[in-house]
Amino acid sequence: MLRAAGREVLAVDVQAHAQERIEPCDVKSNDQIVQLFESHAIGTVIHLAAVLPPHSAQIRSLQPR
């Protein structure tokens, strides 16, 4: 939807994906987040685990520590 509207999208996941342009980054790692923001001109962040809490609540590794 964002790409269709002409927006540049940088997808981030804890694991790299061969089929998609996804930056590997663990959002629980402050160092990785800092590196991501230093490497890209990021204007907006949409955290899907926050948007989809029922799914993220079922995955123990995604739960807040």
PDB file of N, CA and C in Angstrom:
ATOM      1  N   MET A   1       0.821  -1.180   0.000  1.00  0.00           N
ATOM      2  CA  MET A   1       0.000   0.000   0.000  1.00  0.00           C
ATOM      3  C   MET A   1       0.877   1.260   0.000  1.00  0.00           C
ATOM      4  N   LEU A   2       1.889   1.293   0.865  1.00  0.00           N
ATOM      5  CA  LEU A   2       2.771   2.455   0.903  1.00  0.00           C
ATOM      6  C   LEU A   2       3.578   2.583  -0.383  1.00  0.00           C
ATOM      7  N   ARG A   3       4.101   1.454  -0.854  1.00  0.00           N
ATOM      8  CA  ARG A   3       4.866   1.485  -2.108  1.00  0.00           C
ATOM      9  C   ARG A   3       3.982   1.913  -3.274  1.00  0.00           C
ATOM     10  N   ALA A   4       2.749   1.427  -3.299  1.00  0.00           N
ATOM     11  CA  ALA A   4       1.818   1.794  -4.366  1.00  0.00           C
ATOM     12  C   ALA A   4       1.531   3.292  -4.355  1.00  0.00           C
ATOM     13  N   ALA A   5       1.632   3.905  -3.183  1.00  0.00           N
ATOM     14  CA  ALA A   5       1.418   5.348  -3.051  1.00  0.00           C
ATOM     15  C   ALA A   5       2.695   6.138  -3.339  1.00  0.00           C
ATOM     16  N   GLY A   6       3.759   5.427  -3.748  1.00  0.00           N
ATOM     17  CA  GLY A   6       4.997   6.095  -4.098  1.00  0.00           C
ATOM     18  C   GLY A   6       5.953   6.328  -2.941  1.00  0.00           C
ATOM     19  N   ARG A   7       5.667   5.732  -1.793  1.00  0.00           N
ATOM     20  CA  ARG A   7       6.543   5.884  -0.622  1.00  0.00           C
ATOM     21  C   ARG A   7       7.656   4.853  -0.674  1.00  0.00           C
ATOM     22  N   GLU A   8       8.843   5.249  -0.221  1.00  0.00           N
ATOM     23  CA  GLU A   8       9.941   4.300  -0.100  1.00  0.00           C
ATOM     24  C   GLU A   8       9.758   3.544   1.207  1.00  0.00           C
ATOM     25  N   VAL A   9       9.874   2.230   1.148  1.00  0.00           N
ATOM     26  CA  VAL A   9       9.652   1.381   2.319  1.00  0.00           C
ATOM     27  C   VAL A   9      10.923   0.599   2.614  1.00  0.00           C
ATOM     28  N   LEU A  10      11.349   0.637   3.860  1.00  0.00           N
ATOM     29  CA  LEU A  10      12.471  -0.170   4.329  1.00  0.00           C
ATOM     30  C   LEU A  10      11.906  -1.164   5.335  1.00  0.00           C
ATOM     31  N   ALA A  11      11.818  -2.410   4.932  1.00  0.00           N
ATOM     32  CA  ALA A  11      11.312  -3.448   5.831  1.00  0.00           C
ATOM     33  C   ALA A  11      12.465  -3.965   6.679  1.00  0.00           C
ATOM     34  N   VAL A  12      12.187  -4.233   7.947  1.00  0.00           N
ATOM     35  CA  VAL A  12      13.199  -4.695   8.896  1.00  0.00           C
ATOM     36  C   VAL A  12      12.654  -5.917   9.611  1.00  0.00           C
ATOM     37  N   ASP A  13      13.502  -6.927   9.767  1.00  0.00           N
ATOM     38  CA  ASP A  13      13.112  -8.121  10.514  1.00  0.00           C
ATOM     39  C   ASP A  13      14.345  -8.660  11.209  1.00  0.00           C
ATOM     40  N   VAL A  14      14.112  -9.448  12.237  1.00  0.00           N
ATOM     41  CA  VAL A  14      15.225 -10.023  12.989  1.00  0.00           C
ATOM     42  C   VAL A  14      16.028 -10.991  12.122  1.00  0.00           C
ATOM     43  N   GLN A  15      15.409 -11.549  11.092  1.00  0.00           N
ATOM     44  CA  GLN A  15      16.086 -12.467  10.178  1.00  0.00           C
ATOM     45  C   GLN A  15      16.081 -11.875   8.772  1.00  0.00           C
ATOM     46  N   ALA A  16      17.171 -12.081   8.052  1.00  0.00           N
ATOM     47  CA  ALA A  16      17.225 -11.655   6.655  1.00  0.00           C
ATOM     48  C   ALA A  16      16.373 -12.600   5.810  1.00  0.00           C
ATOM     49  N   HIS A  17      15.788 -12.076   4.762  1.00  0.00           N
ATOM     50  CA  HIS A  17      14.944 -12.869   3.863  1.00  0.00           C
ATOM     51  C   HIS A  17      15.493 -12.741   2.449  1.00  0.00           C
ATOM     52  N   ALA A  18      15.753 -13.854   1.805  1.00  0.00           N
ATOM     53  CA  ALA A  18      16.347 -13.848   0.468  1.00  0.00           C
ATOM     54  C   ALA A  18      15.394 -13.274  -0.584  1.00  0.00           C
ATOM     55  N   GLN A  19      14.095 -13.527  -0.456  1.00  0.00           N
ATOM     56  CA  GLN A  19      13.141 -13.119  -1.483  1.00  0.00           C
ATOM     57  C   GLN A  19      12.736 -11.651  -1.370  1.00  0.00           C
ATOM     58  N   GLU A  20      12.930 -11.045  -0.242  1.00  0.00           N
ATOM     59  CA  GLU A  20      12.473  -9.681  -0.013  1.00  0.00           C
ATOM     60  C   GLU A  20      13.645  -8.761   0.299  1.00  0.00           C
ATOM     61  N   ARG A  21      13.473  -7.483   0.080  1.00  0.00           N
ATOM     62  CA  ARG A  21      14.472  -6.498   0.487  1.00  0.00           C
ATOM     63  C   ARG A  21      14.170  -6.136   1.941  1.00  0.00           C
ATOM     64  N   ILE A  22      14.743  -6.906   2.841  1.00  0.00           N
ATOM     65  CA  ILE A  22      14.510  -6.704   4.268  1.00  0.00           C
ATOM     66  C   ILE A  22      15.849  -6.561   4.971  1.00  0.00           C
ATOM     67  N   GLU A  23      16.000  -5.496   5.730  1.00  0.00           N
ATOM     68  CA  GLU A  23      17.206  -5.269   6.515  1.00  0.00           C
ATOM     69  C   GLU A  23      17.148  -6.131   7.769  1.00  0.00           C
ATOM     70  N   PRO A  24      18.185  -6.902   8.034  1.00  0.00           N
ATOM     71  CA  PRO A  24      18.196  -7.651   9.295  1.00  0.00           C
ATOM     72  C   PRO A  24      18.473  -6.709  10.463  1.00  0.00           C
ATOM     73  N   CYS A  25      17.611  -6.733  11.470  1.00  0.00           N
ATOM     74  CA  CYS A  25      17.767  -5.881  12.647  1.00  0.00           C
ATOM     75  C   CYS A  25      16.887  -6.428  13.759  1.00  0.00           C
ATOM     76  N   ASP A  26      17.456  -6.565  14.938  1.00  0.00           N
ATOM     77  CA  ASP A  26      16.694  -6.986  16.114  1.00  0.00           C
ATOM     78  C   ASP A  26      16.270  -5.722  16.848  1.00  0.00           C
ATOM     79  N   VAL A  27      14.973  -5.440  16.873  1.00  0.00           N
ATOM     80  CA  VAL A  27      14.493  -4.202  17.485  1.00  0.00           C
ATOM     81  C   VAL A  27      14.743  -4.150  18.989  1.00  0.00           C
ATOM     82  N   LYS A  28      15.143  -5.271  19.577  1.00  0.00           N
ATOM     83  CA  LYS A  28      15.496  -5.277  21.002  1.00  0.00           C
ATOM     84  C   LYS A  28      16.943  -4.842  21.224  1.00  0.00           C
ATOM     85  N   SER A  29      17.694  -4.628  20.138  1.00  0.00           N
ATOM     86  CA  SER A  29      19.100  -4.234  20.222  1.00  0.00           C
ATOM     87  C   SER A  29      19.247  -2.743  19.923  1.00  0.00           C
ATOM     88  N   ASN A  30      19.572  -1.969  20.947  1.00  0.00           N
ATOM     89  CA  ASN A  30      19.749  -0.531  20.766  1.00  0.00           C
ATOM     90  C   ASN A  30      20.838  -0.237  19.733  1.00  0.00           C
ATOM     91  N   ASP A  31      21.938  -0.974  19.771  1.00  0.00           N
ATOM     92  CA  ASP A  31      23.028  -0.756  18.815  1.00  0.00           C
ATOM     93  C   ASP A  31      22.568  -0.965  17.375  1.00  0.00           C
ATOM     94  N   GLN A  32      21.764  -2.001  17.138  1.00  0.00           N
ATOM     95  CA  GLN A  32      21.284  -2.271  15.782  1.00  0.00           C
ATOM     96  C   GLN A  32      20.303  -1.194  15.319  1.00  0.00           C
ATOM     97  N   ILE A  33      19.472  -0.704  16.227  1.00  0.00           N
ATOM     98  CA  ILE A  33      18.525   0.363  15.880  1.00  0.00           C
ATOM     99  C   ILE A  33      19.286   1.641  15.522  1.00  0.00           C
ATOM    100  N   VAL A  34      20.282   1.987  16.329  1.00  0.00           N
ATOM    101  CA  VAL A  34      21.091   3.179  16.051  1.00  0.00           C
ATOM    102  C   VAL A  34      21.765   3.048  14.690  1.00  0.00           C
ATOM    103  N   GLN A  35      22.351   1.898  14.414  1.00  0.00           N
ATOM    104  CA  GLN A  35      23.019   1.672  13.126  1.00  0.00           C
ATOM    105  C   GLN A  35      22.026   1.798  11.966  1.00  0.00           C
ATOM    106  N   LEU A  36      20.825   1.272  12.138  1.00  0.00           N
ATOM    107  CA  LEU A  36      19.800   1.352  11.099  1.00  0.00           C
ATOM    108  C   LEU A  36      19.454   2.808  10.792  1.00  0.00           C
ATOM    109  N   PHE A  37      19.237   3.614  11.846  1.00  0.00           N
ATOM    110  CA  PHE A  37      18.882   5.017  11.641  1.00  0.00           C
ATOM    111  C   PHE A  37      20.047   5.830  11.083  1.00  0.00           C
ATOM    112  N   GLU A  38      21.272   5.451  11.402  1.00  0.00           N
ATOM    113  CA  GLU A  38      22.436   6.142  10.850  1.00  0.00           C
ATOM    114  C   GLU A  38      22.667   5.778   9.387  1.00  0.00           C
ATOM    115  N   SER A  39      22.203   4.612   8.972  1.00  0.00           N
ATOM    116  CA  SER A  39      22.428   4.123   7.610  1.00  0.00           C
ATOM    117  C   SER A  39      21.337   4.515   6.622  1.00  0.00           C
ATOM    118  N   HIS A  40      20.176   4.931   7.118  1.00  0.00           N
ATOM    119  CA  HIS A  40      19.034   5.222   6.249  1.00  0.00           C
ATOM    120  C   HIS A  40      18.353   6.513   6.697  1.00  0.00           C
ATOM    121  N   ALA A  41      17.790   7.229   5.736  1.00  0.00           N
ATOM    122  CA  ALA A  41      17.008   8.431   6.045  1.00  0.00           C
ATOM    123  C   ALA A  41      15.586   7.993   6.386  1.00  0.00           C
ATOM    124  N   ILE A  42      15.337   7.742   7.660  1.00  0.00           N
ATOM    125  CA  ILE A  42      14.040   7.221   8.104  1.00  0.00           C
ATOM    126  C   ILE A  42      13.200   8.368   8.653  1.00  0.00           C
ATOM    127  N   GLY A  43      12.000   8.533   8.098  1.00  0.00           N
ATOM    128  CA  GLY A  43      11.113   9.600   8.537  1.00  0.00           C
ATOM    129  C   GLY A  43       9.935   9.115   9.354  1.00  0.00           C
ATOM    130  N   THR A  44       9.542   7.859   9.146  1.00  0.00           N
ATOM    131  CA  THR A  44       8.387   7.294   9.839  1.00  0.00           C
ATOM    132  C   THR A  44       8.674   5.839  10.174  1.00  0.00           C
ATOM    133  N   VAL A  45       8.218   5.406  11.353  1.00  0.00           N
ATOM    134  CA  VAL A  45       8.380   4.013  11.771  1.00  0.00           C
ATOM    135  C   VAL A  45       7.003   3.427  12.052  1.00  0.00           C
ATOM    136  N   ILE A  46       6.729   2.272  11.467  1.00  0.00           N
ATOM    137  CA  ILE A  46       5.511   1.515  11.764  1.00  0.00           C
ATOM    138  C   ILE A  46       5.971   0.167  12.291  1.00  0.00           C
ATOM    139  N   HIS A  47       5.710  -0.096  13.553  1.00  0.00           N
ATOM    140  CA  HIS A  47       6.146  -1.340  14.198  1.00  0.00           C
ATOM    141  C   HIS A  47       4.972  -2.317  14.147  1.00  0.00           C
ATOM    142  N   LEU A  48       5.053  -3.304  13.259  1.00  0.00           N
ATOM    143  CA  LEU A  48       3.915  -4.203  13.036  1.00  0.00           C
ATOM    144  C   LEU A  48       3.549  -5.031  14.256  1.00  0.00           C
ATOM    145  N   ALA A  49       4.514  -5.369  15.097  1.00  0.00           N
ATOM    146  CA  ALA A  49       4.171  -6.126  16.307  1.00  0.00           C
ATOM    147  C   ALA A  49       3.292  -5.288  17.230  1.00  0.00           C
ATOM    148  N   ALA A  50       3.441  -3.974  17.170  1.00  0.00           N
ATOM    149  CA  ALA A  50       2.579  -3.099  17.960  1.00  0.00           C
ATOM    150  C   ALA A  50       1.205  -2.960  17.310  1.00  0.00           C
ATOM    151  N   VAL A  51       1.163  -3.035  15.982  1.00  0.00           N
ATOM    152  CA  VAL A  51      -0.096  -2.931  15.253  1.00  0.00           C
ATOM    153  C   VAL A  51      -0.887  -4.233  15.354  1.00  0.00           C
ATOM    154  N   LEU A  52      -0.185  -5.358  15.432  1.00  0.00           N
ATOM    155  CA  LEU A  52      -0.816  -6.674  15.475  1.00  0.00           C
ATOM    156  C   LEU A  52      -0.523  -7.373  16.803  1.00  0.00           C
ATOM    157  N   PRO A  53      -0.952  -6.816  17.929  1.00  0.00           N
ATOM    158  CA  PRO A  53      -0.570  -7.385  19.226  1.00  0.00           C
ATOM    159  C   PRO A  53      -1.025  -8.819  19.478  1.00  0.00           C
ATOM    160  N   PRO A  54      -2.159  -9.283  18.991  1.00  0.00           N
ATOM    161  CA  PRO A  54      -2.512 -10.676  19.300  1.00  0.00           C
ATOM    162  C   PRO A  54      -1.465 -11.676  18.805  1.00  0.00           C
ATOM    163  N   HIS A  55      -0.935 -11.471  17.601  1.00  0.00           N
ATOM    164  CA  HIS A  55       0.077 -12.378  17.063  1.00  0.00           C
ATOM    165  C   HIS A  55       1.386 -12.241  17.827  1.00  0.00           C
ATOM    166  N   SER A  56       1.827 -11.004  18.051  1.00  0.00           N
ATOM    167  CA  SER A  56       3.102 -10.801  18.740  1.00  0.00           C
ATOM    168  C   SER A  56       3.037 -11.285  20.185  1.00  0.00           C
ATOM    169  N   ALA A  57       1.871 -11.261  20.786  1.00  0.00           N
ATOM    170  CA  ALA A  57       1.725 -11.731  22.167  1.00  0.00           C
ATOM    171  C   ALA A  57       1.909 -13.242  22.266  1.00  0.00           C
ATOM    172  N   GLN A  58       1.707 -13.952  21.160  1.00  0.00           N
ATOM    173  CA  GLN A  58       1.853 -15.405  21.161  1.00  0.00           C
ATOM    174  C   GLN A  58       3.296 -15.853  20.974  1.00  0.00           C
ATOM    175  N   ILE A  59       4.171 -14.958  20.551  1.00  0.00           N
ATOM    176  CA  ILE A  59       5.567 -15.307  20.295  1.00  0.00           C
ATOM    177  C   ILE A  59       6.416 -14.812  21.456  1.00  0.00           C
ATOM    178  N   ARG A  60       6.902 -15.748  22.251  1.00  0.00           N
ATOM    179  CA  ARG A  60       7.622 -15.412  23.480  1.00  0.00           C
ATOM    180  C   ARG A  60       8.820 -14.491  23.236  1.00  0.00           C
ATOM    181  N   SER A  61       9.568 -14.711  22.154  1.00  0.00           N
ATOM    182  CA  SER A  61      10.767 -13.912  21.896  1.00  0.00           C
ATOM    183  C   SER A  61      10.446 -12.460  21.541  1.00  0.00           C
ATOM    184  N   LEU A  62       9.201 -12.157  21.181  1.00  0.00           N
ATOM    185  CA  LEU A  62       8.812 -10.792  20.842  1.00  0.00           C
ATOM    186  C   LEU A  62       8.232 -10.035  22.024  1.00  0.00           C
ATOM    187  N   GLN A  63       8.013 -10.712  23.126  1.00  0.00           N
ATOM    188  CA  GLN A  63       7.408 -10.062  24.281  1.00  0.00           C
ATOM    189  C   GLN A  63       8.410  -9.165  24.988  1.00  0.00           C
ATOM    190  N   PRO A  64       7.940  -8.047  25.544  1.00  0.00           N
ATOM    191  CA  PRO A  64       8.841  -7.133  26.260  1.00  0.00           C
ATOM    192  C   PRO A  64       9.561  -7.833  27.398  1.00  0.00           C
ATOM    193  N   ARG A  65      10.793  -7.386  27.633  1.00  0.00           N
ATOM    194  CA  ARG A  65      11.576  -7.967  28.730  1.00  0.00           C
ATOM    195  C   ARG A  65      11.763  -6.970  29.833  1.00  0.00           C
TER     196      ARG A  65
END
